[in-house]
Amino acid sequence: MPPRPPHSRPVRIQVVEDHDMVAEAICLALDRSPDLQVVGRAASLAAALAEAKRCEPDVVLMDRRLPDGDGIDAIADLLALLPDVRVLILAAEGSGSVAARVAETGGAGLILKASGLRELEDAVRRVAAGEVVFSQDFLGDVLERLTGRAPAPGANLTPREREALHLLAEGRNTAEISELLGVALNTGRNHVQRVLEKLGARSQLEAVAIARREGLLT
């Protein structure tokens, strides 16, 4: 992805962190820079999605471990809600496989809580500019997943499965997809299930988000 043009206004940031002291320190650190502005704060995935719609951030700084789930699992939901948002995962610890999962789900990067505040500020600026930010320790795994041996998500979809994917993107349910494709309900279910499997998606919503990111719905 090419870098975005420089922001003519401060980068708008939503902080999603359930520990008050950590969240407060992050917000204070980010807000002290004139080119960064915290516009929203949430302590759960559900609150993050509701708040993101209201405050429309450029970057969501999301803790991985939240009371109602894994922050990585919320990336697809955030992208479905705000397709241009950049999601930077904040984690206590990481690994190559976790970083690759962030990238595959559409995240813009992974930064560890052990990083300094200046490093955090820099990461936010970089992802806002269109870059991806991963530690050198994880970068090899990320690049292998994104540009290595594995085919791009959706590359092996059949024409029928592509039709089912487009109908999913229109908000159709499985019964409607089956009817519009002129197939039995079980066959329609199988088409949808194969779409999810080939895109590496856990839900229909995530499948549509991945397809949009990969340019499969143009």
C-alpha atoms as a PDB file:
ATOM      1  CA  MET A   1       0.000   0.000   0.000  1.00  0.00           C
ATOM      2  CA  PRO A   2       1.467   3.393  -0.940  1.00  0.00           C
ATOM      3  CA  PRO A   3       1.929   5.894   1.890  1.00  0.00           C
ATOM      4  CA  ARG A   4      -0.925   8.294   2.443  1.00  0.00           C
ATOM      5  CA  PRO A   5      -0.295  11.979   1.906  1.00  0.00           C
ATOM      6  CA  PRO A   6       0.676  13.841   5.075  1.00  0.00           C
ATOM      7  CA  HIS A   7      -2.241  14.724   7.318  1.00  0.00           C
ATOM      8  CA  SER A   8      -3.345  18.337   7.140  1.00  0.00           C
ATOM      9  CA  ARG A   9      -4.783  17.887  10.631  1.00  0.00           C
ATOM     10  CA  PRO A  10      -3.637  15.860  13.640  1.00  0.00           C
ATOM     11  CA  VAL A  11      -3.860  12.098  13.379  1.00  0.00           C
ATOM     12  CA  ARG A  12      -7.086  11.095  15.129  1.00  0.00           C
ATOM     13  CA  ILE A  13      -6.529   8.190  17.533  1.00  0.00           C
ATOM     14  CA  GLN A  14      -8.846   5.919  19.451  1.00  0.00           C
ATOM     15  CA  VAL A  15      -7.219   4.149  22.420  1.00  0.00           C
ATOM     16  CA  VAL A  16      -8.727   0.782  23.425  1.00  0.00           C
ATOM     17  CA  GLU A  17      -7.229  -0.380  26.736  1.00  0.00           C
ATOM     18  CA  ASP A  18      -8.986  -1.745  29.816  1.00  0.00           C
ATOM     19  CA  HIS A  19      -6.328  -0.801  32.391  1.00  0.00           C
ATOM     20  CA  ASP A  20      -7.043   2.793  33.412  1.00  0.00           C
ATOM     21  CA  MET A  21      -3.490   3.750  34.371  1.00  0.00           C
ATOM     22  CA  VAL A  22      -2.036   2.343  31.146  1.00  0.00           C
ATOM     23  CA  ALA A  23      -4.727   4.016  29.052  1.00  0.00           C
ATOM     24  CA  GLU A  24      -4.215   7.347  30.811  1.00  0.00           C
ATOM     25  CA  ALA A  25      -0.439   7.231  30.279  1.00  0.00           C
ATOM     26  CA  ILE A  26      -0.862   6.418  26.588  1.00  0.00           C
ATOM     27  CA  CYS A  27      -3.423   9.167  26.063  1.00  0.00           C
ATOM     28  CA  LEU A  28      -1.261  11.766  27.812  1.00  0.00           C
ATOM     29  CA  ALA A  29       1.792  10.743  25.794  1.00  0.00           C
ATOM     30  CA  LEU A  30      -0.036  10.900  22.464  1.00  0.00           C
ATOM     31  CA  ASP A  31      -1.887  14.122  23.189  1.00  0.00           C
ATOM     32  CA  ARG A  32       1.321  16.009  24.028  1.00  0.00           C
ATOM     33  CA  SER A  33       2.324  15.864  20.336  1.00  0.00           C
ATOM     34  CA  PRO A  34       0.641  18.567  18.212  1.00  0.00           C
ATOM     35  CA  ASP A  35       0.281  16.175  15.260  1.00  0.00           C
ATOM     36  CA  LEU A  36      -1.533  13.513  17.322  1.00  0.00           C
ATOM     37  CA  GLN A  37      -4.979  13.762  18.921  1.00  0.00           C
ATOM     38  CA  VAL A  38      -6.812  11.190  21.054  1.00  0.00           C
ATOM     39  CA  VAL A  39     -10.469  11.450  20.034  1.00  0.00           C
ATOM     40  CA  GLY A  40     -11.867   8.349  21.720  1.00  0.00           C
ATOM     41  CA  ARG A  41     -11.197   5.867  24.474  1.00  0.00           C
ATOM     42  CA  ALA A  42     -12.762   2.500  25.199  1.00  0.00           C
ATOM     43  CA  ALA A  43     -12.140  -0.416  27.565  1.00  0.00           C
ATOM     44  CA  SER A  44     -13.775  -3.274  25.637  1.00  0.00           C
ATOM     45  CA  LEU A  45     -14.294  -4.494  22.080  1.00  0.00           C
ATOM     46  CA  ALA A  46     -17.996  -3.680  22.152  1.00  0.00           C
ATOM     47  CA  ALA A  47     -17.354  -0.148  23.386  1.00  0.00           C
ATOM     48  CA  ALA A  48     -14.546   0.284  20.836  1.00  0.00           C
ATOM     49  CA  LEU A  49     -16.866  -0.494  17.919  1.00  0.00           C
ATOM     50  CA  ALA A  50     -19.579   1.840  19.198  1.00  0.00           C
ATOM     51  CA  GLU A  51     -17.088   4.641  19.917  1.00  0.00           C
ATOM     52  CA  ALA A  52     -15.248   4.220  16.592  1.00  0.00           C
ATOM     53  CA  LYS A  53     -18.427   4.922  14.642  1.00  0.00           C
ATOM     54  CA  ARG A  54     -18.885   8.149  16.599  1.00  0.00           C
ATOM     55  CA  CYS A  55     -15.336   9.512  16.644  1.00  0.00           C
ATOM     56  CA  GLU A  56     -14.126   8.187  13.242  1.00  0.00           C
ATOM     57  CA  PRO A  57     -10.437   7.757  14.131  1.00  0.00           C
ATOM     58  CA  ASP A  58      -7.590   7.472  11.645  1.00  0.00           C
ATOM     59  CA  VAL A  59      -5.822   4.963  13.906  1.00  0.00           C
ATOM     60  CA  VAL A  60      -7.196   2.581  16.516  1.00  0.00           C
ATOM     61  CA  LEU A  61      -4.569   1.599  19.101  1.00  0.00           C
ATOM     62  CA  MET A  62      -6.028  -1.653  20.389  1.00  0.00           C
ATOM     63  CA  ASP A  63      -4.903  -3.755  23.333  1.00  0.00           C
ATOM     64  CA  ARG A  64      -4.871  -7.414  22.375  1.00  0.00           C
ATOM     65  CA  ARG A  65      -6.321  -8.756  25.633  1.00  0.00           C
ATOM     66  CA  LEU A  66      -9.647  -7.144  26.516  1.00  0.00           C
ATOM     67  CA  PRO A  67     -12.445  -8.255  28.869  1.00  0.00           C
ATOM     68  CA  ASP A  68     -14.722  -9.371  26.025  1.00  0.00           C
ATOM     69  CA  GLY A  69     -12.175 -10.895  23.661  1.00  0.00           C
ATOM     70  CA  ASP A  70      -9.033 -10.710  21.563  1.00  0.00           C
ATOM     71  CA  GLY A  71      -8.352  -7.343  19.927  1.00  0.00           C
ATOM     72  CA  ILE A  72      -7.082  -9.067  16.781  1.00  0.00           C
ATOM     73  CA  ASP A  73     -10.526 -10.610  16.268  1.00  0.00           C
ATOM     74  CA  ALA A  74     -12.047  -7.105  16.214  1.00  0.00           C
ATOM     75  CA  ILE A  75      -9.891  -5.849  13.332  1.00  0.00           C
ATOM     76  CA  ALA A  76     -12.262  -7.187  10.674  1.00  0.00           C
ATOM     77  CA  ASP A  77     -15.269  -5.642  12.427  1.00  0.00           C
ATOM     78  CA  LEU A  78     -13.542  -2.258  12.622  1.00  0.00           C
ATOM     79  CA  LEU A  79     -12.593  -2.409   8.934  1.00  0.00           C
ATOM     80  CA  ALA A  80     -16.152  -3.345   8.002  1.00  0.00           C
ATOM     81  CA  LEU A  81     -17.346  -0.325   9.985  1.00  0.00           C
ATOM     82  CA  LEU A  82     -14.610   2.113   8.856  1.00  0.00           C
ATOM     83  CA  PRO A  83     -12.774   0.725   5.784  1.00  0.00           C
ATOM     84  CA  ASP A  84      -9.994   3.342   5.921  1.00  0.00           C
ATOM     85  CA  VAL A  85      -9.154   2.961   9.603  1.00  0.00           C
ATOM     86  CA  ARG A  86      -5.692   1.675  10.558  1.00  0.00           C
ATOM     87  CA  VAL A  87      -5.565  -0.737  13.498  1.00  0.00           C
ATOM     88  CA  LEU A  88      -2.380  -1.006  15.553  1.00  0.00           C
ATOM     89  CA  ILE A  89      -2.391  -3.866  18.074  1.00  0.00           C
ATOM     90  CA  LEU A  90      -0.751  -3.299  21.463  1.00  0.00           C
ATOM     91  CA  ALA A  91       0.358  -6.518  23.178  1.00  0.00           C
ATOM     92  CA  ALA A  92       2.182  -7.540  26.342  1.00  0.00           C
ATOM     93  CA  GLU A  93       4.020 -10.172  24.320  1.00  0.00           C
ATOM     94  CA  GLY A  94       4.112 -11.294  20.733  1.00  0.00           C
ATOM     95  CA  SER A  95       5.352 -13.874  18.267  1.00  0.00           C
ATOM     96  CA  GLY A  96       5.793 -14.253  14.546  1.00  0.00           C
ATOM     97  CA  SER A  97       2.532 -16.172  14.242  1.00  0.00           C
ATOM     98  CA  VAL A  98       0.597 -13.534  16.196  1.00  0.00           C
ATOM     99  CA  ALA A  99       2.078 -10.743  14.056  1.00  0.00           C
ATOM    100  CA  ALA A 100       1.226 -12.671  10.889  1.00  0.00           C
ATOM    101  CA  ARG A 101      -2.332 -13.076  12.124  1.00  0.00           C
ATOM    102  CA  VAL A 102      -2.578  -9.320  12.685  1.00  0.00           C
ATOM    103  CA  ALA A 103      -1.394  -8.698   9.129  1.00  0.00           C
ATOM    104  CA  GLU A 104      -3.658 -11.345   7.601  1.00  0.00           C
ATOM    105  CA  THR A 105      -6.679  -9.875   9.373  1.00  0.00           C
ATOM    106  CA  GLY A 106      -5.949  -6.423   7.959  1.00  0.00           C
ATOM    107  CA  GLY A 107      -4.129  -4.896  10.916  1.00  0.00           C
ATOM    108  CA  ALA A 108      -1.490  -2.229  10.341  1.00  0.00           C
ATOM    109  CA  GLY A 109       0.987  -3.489  12.901  1.00  0.00           C
ATOM    110  CA  LEU A 110       1.856  -4.911  16.287  1.00  0.00           C
ATOM    111  CA  ILE A 111       3.744  -3.039  18.991  1.00  0.00           C
ATOM    112  CA  LEU A 112       4.743  -4.417  22.372  1.00  0.00           C
ATOM    113  CA  LYS A 113       3.847  -2.727  25.647  1.00  0.00           C
ATOM    114  CA  ALA A 114       7.516  -2.889  26.603  1.00  0.00           C
ATOM    115  CA  SER A 115       8.244  -0.335  23.845  1.00  0.00           C
ATOM    116  CA  GLY A 116       8.918   3.255  24.861  1.00  0.00           C
ATOM    117  CA  LEU A 117       6.307   5.963  24.476  1.00  0.00           C
ATOM    118  CA  ARG A 118       8.306   7.663  21.718  1.00  0.00           C
ATOM    119  CA  GLU A 119       8.395   4.394  19.813  1.00  0.00           C
ATOM    120  CA  LEU A 120       4.628   4.148  20.251  1.00  0.00           C
ATOM    121  CA  GLU A 121       4.127   7.694  18.931  1.00  0.00           C
ATOM    122  CA  ASP A 122       6.317   6.905  15.932  1.00  0.00           C
ATOM    123  CA  ALA A 123       4.372   3.703  15.225  1.00  0.00           C
ATOM    124  CA  VAL A 124       1.076   5.606  15.261  1.00  0.00           C
ATOM    125  CA  ARG A 125       2.433   8.190  12.812  1.00  0.00           C
ATOM    126  CA  ARG A 126       3.772   5.504  10.503  1.00  0.00           C
ATOM    127  CA  VAL A 127       0.583   3.464  10.326  1.00  0.00           C
ATOM    128  CA  ALA A 128      -1.423   6.670   9.789  1.00  0.00           C
ATOM    129  CA  ALA A 129       0.846   7.358   6.800  1.00  0.00           C
ATOM    130  CA  GLY A 130       0.028   3.951   5.322  1.00  0.00           C
ATOM    131  CA  GLU A 131       3.000   1.928   6.562  1.00  0.00           C
ATOM    132  CA  VAL A 132       2.870  -1.392   8.405  1.00  0.00           C
ATOM    133  CA  VAL A 133       4.784  -1.583  11.665  1.00  0.00           C
ATOM    134  CA  PHE A 134       6.140  -4.867  13.016  1.00  0.00           C
ATOM    135  CA  SER A 135       9.209  -5.688  15.063  1.00  0.00           C
ATOM    136  CA  GLN A 136      12.156  -7.033  13.079  1.00  0.00           C
ATOM    137  CA  ASP A 137      11.762 -10.231  15.127  1.00  0.00           C
ATOM    138  CA  PHE A 138       8.331 -10.797  13.585  1.00  0.00           C
ATOM    139  CA  LEU A 139       8.780  -9.253  10.148  1.00  0.00           C
ATOM    140  CA  GLY A 140      10.011 -12.432   8.459  1.00  0.00           C
ATOM    141  CA  ASP A 141       6.874 -14.346   9.428  1.00  0.00           C
ATOM    142  CA  VAL A 142       4.648 -11.476   8.299  1.00  0.00           C
ATOM    143  CA  LEU A 143       6.352 -11.154   4.920  1.00  0.00           C
ATOM    144  CA  GLU A 144       6.238 -14.897   4.342  1.00  0.00           C
ATOM    145  CA  ARG A 145       2.503 -14.950   4.952  1.00  0.00           C
ATOM    146  CA  LEU A 146       1.782 -11.847   2.868  1.00  0.00           C
ATOM    147  CA  THR A 147       4.211 -12.218  -0.036  1.00  0.00           C
ATOM    148  CA  GLY A 148       5.641 -15.701   0.284  1.00  0.00           C
ATOM    149  CA  ARG A 149       4.597 -19.137  -0.756  1.00  0.00           C
ATOM    150  CA  ALA A 150       0.937 -19.061   0.178  1.00  0.00           C
ATOM    151  CA  PRO A 151      -1.520 -17.800  -2.474  1.00  0.00           C
ATOM    152  CA  ALA A 152      -3.347 -14.550  -1.855  1.00  0.00           C
ATOM    153  CA  PRO A 153      -6.674 -14.971  -0.024  1.00  0.00           C
ATOM    154  CA  GLY A 154      -9.427 -15.708  -2.526  1.00  0.00           C
ATOM    155  CA  ALA A 155      -7.092 -16.592  -5.398  1.00  0.00           C
ATOM    156  CA  ASN A 156      -8.577 -20.089  -5.586  1.00  0.00           C
ATOM    157  CA  LEU A 157     -12.280 -19.162  -5.375  1.00  0.00           C
ATOM    158  CA  THR A 158     -14.409 -20.781  -8.063  1.00  0.00           C
ATOM    159  CA  PRO A 159     -16.745 -18.586 -10.173  1.00  0.00           C
ATOM    160  CA  ARG A 160     -19.709 -19.895  -8.160  1.00  0.00           C
ATOM    161  CA  GLU A 161     -17.978 -19.082  -4.886  1.00  0.00           C
ATOM    162  CA  ARG A 162     -17.216 -15.585  -6.153  1.00  0.00           C
ATOM    163  CA  GLU A 163     -20.915 -15.124  -6.869  1.00  0.00           C
ATOM    164  CA  ALA A 164     -21.716 -16.245  -3.329  1.00  0.00           C
ATOM    165  CA  LEU A 165     -19.113 -13.817  -1.980  1.00  0.00           C
ATOM    166  CA  HIS A 166     -20.659 -10.876  -3.838  1.00  0.00           C
ATOM    167  CA  LEU A 167     -24.085 -11.816  -2.480  1.00  0.00           C
ATOM    168  CA  LEU A 168     -22.630 -11.972   1.046  1.00  0.00           C
ATOM    169  CA  ALA A 169     -21.282  -8.462   0.504  1.00  0.00           C
ATOM    170  CA  GLU A 170     -24.826  -7.356  -0.383  1.00  0.00           C
ATOM    171  CA  GLY A 171     -25.977  -8.612   3.018  1.00  0.00           C
ATOM    172  CA  ARG A 172     -27.780 -11.704   1.733  1.00  0.00           C
ATOM    173  CA  ASN A 173     -28.289 -14.650   4.063  1.00  0.00           C
ATOM    174  CA  THR A 174     -27.606 -18.273   3.128  1.00  0.00           C
ATOM    175  CA  ALA A 175     -31.208 -18.997   2.115  1.00  0.00           C
ATOM    176  CA  GLU A 176     -31.288 -15.949  -0.179  1.00  0.00           C
ATOM    177  CA  ILE A 177     -27.893 -16.844  -1.673  1.00  0.00           C
ATOM    178  CA  SER A 178     -29.110 -20.372  -2.416  1.00  0.00           C
ATOM    179  CA  GLU A 179     -32.257 -19.064  -4.088  1.00  0.00           C
ATOM    180  CA  LEU A 180     -30.412 -16.454  -6.170  1.00  0.00           C
ATOM    181  CA  LEU A 181     -27.825 -19.019  -7.261  1.00  0.00           C
ATOM    182  CA  GLY A 182     -30.588 -21.493  -8.094  1.00  0.00           C
ATOM    183  CA  VAL A 183     -29.183 -24.242  -5.867  1.00  0.00           C
ATOM    184  CA  ALA A 184     -30.405 -26.288  -2.914  1.00  0.00           C
ATOM    185  CA  LEU A 185     -30.003 -24.779   0.551  1.00  0.00           C
ATOM    186  CA  ASN A 186     -27.309 -27.297   1.531  1.00  0.00           C
ATOM    187  CA  THR A 187     -25.378 -26.504  -1.655  1.00  0.00           C
ATOM    188  CA  GLY A 188     -25.630 -22.789  -0.899  1.00  0.00           C
ATOM    189  CA  ARG A 189     -24.354 -23.403   2.610  1.00  0.00           C
ATOM    190  CA  ASN A 190     -21.420 -25.335   1.188  1.00  0.00           C
ATOM    191  CA  HIS A 191     -20.554 -22.472  -1.189  1.00  0.00           C
ATOM    192  CA  VAL A 192     -20.575 -19.985   1.691  1.00  0.00           C
ATOM    193  CA  GLN A 193     -18.532 -22.296   3.927  1.00  0.00           C
ATOM    194  CA  ARG A 194     -15.893 -22.765   1.221  1.00  0.00           C
ATOM    195  CA  VAL A 195     -15.697 -18.987   0.752  1.00  0.00           C
ATOM    196  CA  LEU A 196     -14.963 -18.594   4.469  1.00  0.00           C
ATOM    197  CA  GLU A 197     -12.375 -21.388   4.413  1.00  0.00           C
ATOM    198  CA  LYS A 198     -10.548 -20.071   1.351  1.00  0.00           C
ATOM    199  CA  LEU A 199     -10.462 -16.529   2.730  1.00  0.00           C
ATOM    200  CA  GLY A 200      -9.353 -17.728   6.178  1.00  0.00           C
ATOM    201  CA  ALA A 201     -12.366 -16.009   7.742  1.00  0.00           C
ATOM    202  CA  ARG A 202     -14.166 -16.988  10.924  1.00  0.00           C
ATOM    203  CA  SER A 203     -17.422 -15.279  10.020  1.00  0.00           C
ATOM    204  CA  GLN A 204     -19.299 -13.981   6.998  1.00  0.00           C
ATOM    205  CA  LEU A 205     -18.612 -10.412   8.112  1.00  0.00           C
ATOM    206  CA  GLU A 206     -14.878 -11.101   8.285  1.00  0.00           C
ATOM    207  CA  ALA A 207     -15.005 -12.776   4.845  1.00  0.00           C
ATOM    208  CA  VAL A 208     -16.506  -9.636   3.323  1.00  0.00           C
ATOM    209  CA  ALA A 209     -13.915  -7.429   5.056  1.00  0.00           C
ATOM    210  CA  ILE A 210     -11.065  -9.594   3.755  1.00  0.00           C
ATOM    211  CA  ALA A 211     -12.564  -9.627   0.253  1.00  0.00           C
ATOM    212  CA  ARG A 212     -12.792  -5.830   0.223  1.00  0.00           C
ATOM    213  CA  ARG A 213      -9.221  -5.532   1.425  1.00  0.00           C
ATOM    214  CA  GLU A 214      -8.010  -7.931  -1.264  1.00  0.00           C
ATOM    215  CA  GLY A 215      -9.940  -6.185  -4.040  1.00  0.00           C
ATOM    216  CA  LEU A 216     -12.212  -9.183  -4.689  1.00  0.00           C
ATOM    217  CA  LEU A 217     -15.427  -7.151  -4.749  1.00  0.00           C
ATOM    218  CA  THR A 218     -14.563  -4.634  -7.473  1.00  0.00           C
END
